[in-house]
Amino acid sequence: MLLLLGAGVAYATGGDSPAQPTGSNIDKAKSIALDQTNGGRVTGTEVGDQEGYYEVEVIKDDGSQVDVHLDRDFNVLSTPADHEGPDTKDAPNDNGG
């Protein structure tokens, strides 16, 4: 029942509303995402994303954007770089890490 309640809260904001999902589960997802990216600033969250149960968008300190995907148990599924940054410059291609 708790899972249904949490999902209901996340979707209660409406389809066209710019409001972000809130609650302790979203706070936990944000915290895990920031740990995964070694800091940064959360710019958006989604529940029920295609790539995972939670998606947390993070702008890292170097200005790059990363989408962290988590499952229902807050395990990190992936952290693909989002090349749609705040400016129109292409992000550097750094695959050496």
Protein backbone atom coordinates (compact mmCIF):
# COMPACT_ATOMS: atom_id res chain seq x y z
CA MET A 1 0.00 0.00 0.00
CA LEU A 2 2.87 2.37 0.68
CA LEU A 3 4.18 1.93 -2.85
CA LEU A 4 0.78 2.84 -4.26
CA LEU A 5 0.55 5.86 -2.00
CA GLY A 6 4.03 7.05 -3.06
CA ALA A 7 3.19 6.65 -6.73
CA GLY A 8 -0.11 8.46 -6.23
CA VAL A 9 1.66 11.45 -4.68
CA ALA A 10 4.13 11.59 -7.54
CA TYR A 11 1.40 11.68 -10.16
CA ALA A 12 -0.99 13.93 -8.25
CA THR A 13 0.67 17.07 -9.63
CA GLY A 14 -1.01 16.60 -13.02
CA GLY A 15 0.34 15.98 -16.50
CA ASP A 16 0.89 19.60 -17.55
CA SER A 17 2.06 20.94 -14.22
CA PRO A 18 5.69 22.06 -13.95
CA ALA A 19 5.80 20.90 -10.31
CA GLN A 20 8.39 18.24 -9.45
CA PRO A 21 7.54 15.10 -7.48
CA THR A 22 8.30 15.49 -3.78
CA GLY A 23 8.53 13.36 -0.67
CA SER A 24 11.04 11.32 1.26
CA ASN A 25 11.57 8.83 -1.59
CA ILE A 26 12.41 11.62 -4.03
CA ASP A 27 14.74 13.15 -1.44
CA LYS A 28 16.47 9.77 -1.10
CA ALA A 29 16.74 9.42 -4.89
CA LYS A 30 18.24 12.93 -5.14
CA SER A 31 20.78 12.14 -2.42
CA ILE A 32 21.87 8.91 -4.12
CA ALA A 33 22.09 10.66 -7.49
CA LEU A 34 24.30 13.41 -6.05
CA ASP A 35 26.55 10.77 -4.47
CA GLN A 36 26.77 9.01 -7.84
CA THR A 37 27.77 12.23 -9.64
CA ASN A 38 30.12 13.43 -6.88
CA GLY A 39 27.95 16.46 -6.23
CA GLY A 40 26.25 19.00 -8.40
CA ARG A 41 22.77 20.48 -8.48
CA VAL A 42 19.51 18.60 -9.04
CA THR A 43 17.49 20.26 -11.81
CA GLY A 44 14.66 17.78 -12.22
CA THR A 45 13.14 14.52 -11.07
CA GLU A 46 10.74 12.00 -12.58
CA VAL A 47 8.95 8.96 -11.23
CA GLY A 48 8.07 6.10 -13.56
CA ASP A 49 10.67 6.98 -16.19
CA GLN A 50 11.32 4.61 -19.11
CA GLU A 51 14.88 3.86 -18.03
CA GLY A 52 14.11 3.31 -14.35
CA TYR A 53 11.65 3.98 -11.60
CA TYR A 54 13.31 7.28 -10.65
CA GLU A 55 15.20 9.70 -12.87
CA VAL A 56 17.20 12.53 -11.33
CA GLU A 57 18.71 15.20 -13.58
CA VAL A 58 21.93 16.67 -12.19
CA ILE A 59 24.07 19.55 -13.41
CA LYS A 60 27.59 18.66 -12.35
CA ASP A 61 30.12 21.22 -11.12
CA ASP A 62 31.79 21.21 -14.58
CA GLY A 63 28.47 22.26 -16.18
CA SER A 64 27.66 18.90 -17.77
CA GLN A 65 24.26 17.31 -17.23
CA VAL A 66 23.74 13.71 -16.15
CA ASP A 67 20.51 11.75 -15.81
CA VAL A 68 20.77 9.21 -13.00
CA HIS A 69 18.30 6.32 -13.29
CA LEU A 70 17.36 4.33 -10.19
CA ASP A 71 15.15 1.30 -9.63
CA ARG A 72 12.40 1.14 -6.98
CA ASP A 73 14.97 0.05 -4.39
CA PHE A 74 17.22 3.06 -5.17
CA ASN A 75 19.88 1.01 -6.95
CA VAL A 76 21.64 3.00 -9.67
CA LEU A 77 20.80 1.58 -13.09
CA SER A 78 22.65 4.04 -15.32
CA THR A 79 24.05 7.55 -15.50
CA PRO A 80 24.08 8.53 -19.17
CA ALA A 81 25.36 11.99 -19.97
CA ASP A 82 22.66 14.29 -21.28
CA HIS A 83 24.16 16.35 -24.09
CA GLU A 84 21.38 18.93 -23.90
CA GLY A 85 23.26 21.30 -21.64
CA PRO A 86 22.39 24.82 -20.54
CA ASP A 87 24.27 26.27 -23.51
CA THR A 88 24.52 25.27 -27.17
CA LYS A 89 28.14 24.05 -27.07
CA ASP A 90 28.75 20.35 -27.47
CA ALA A 91 29.98 18.65 -24.33
CA PRO A 92 33.55 17.34 -24.53
CA ASN A 93 33.79 13.67 -25.39
CA ASP A 94 35.69 12.24 -22.45
CA ASN A 95 35.59 8.47 -22.49
CA GLY A 96 38.87 8.00 -20.66
CA GLY A 97 37.51 7.55 -17.18
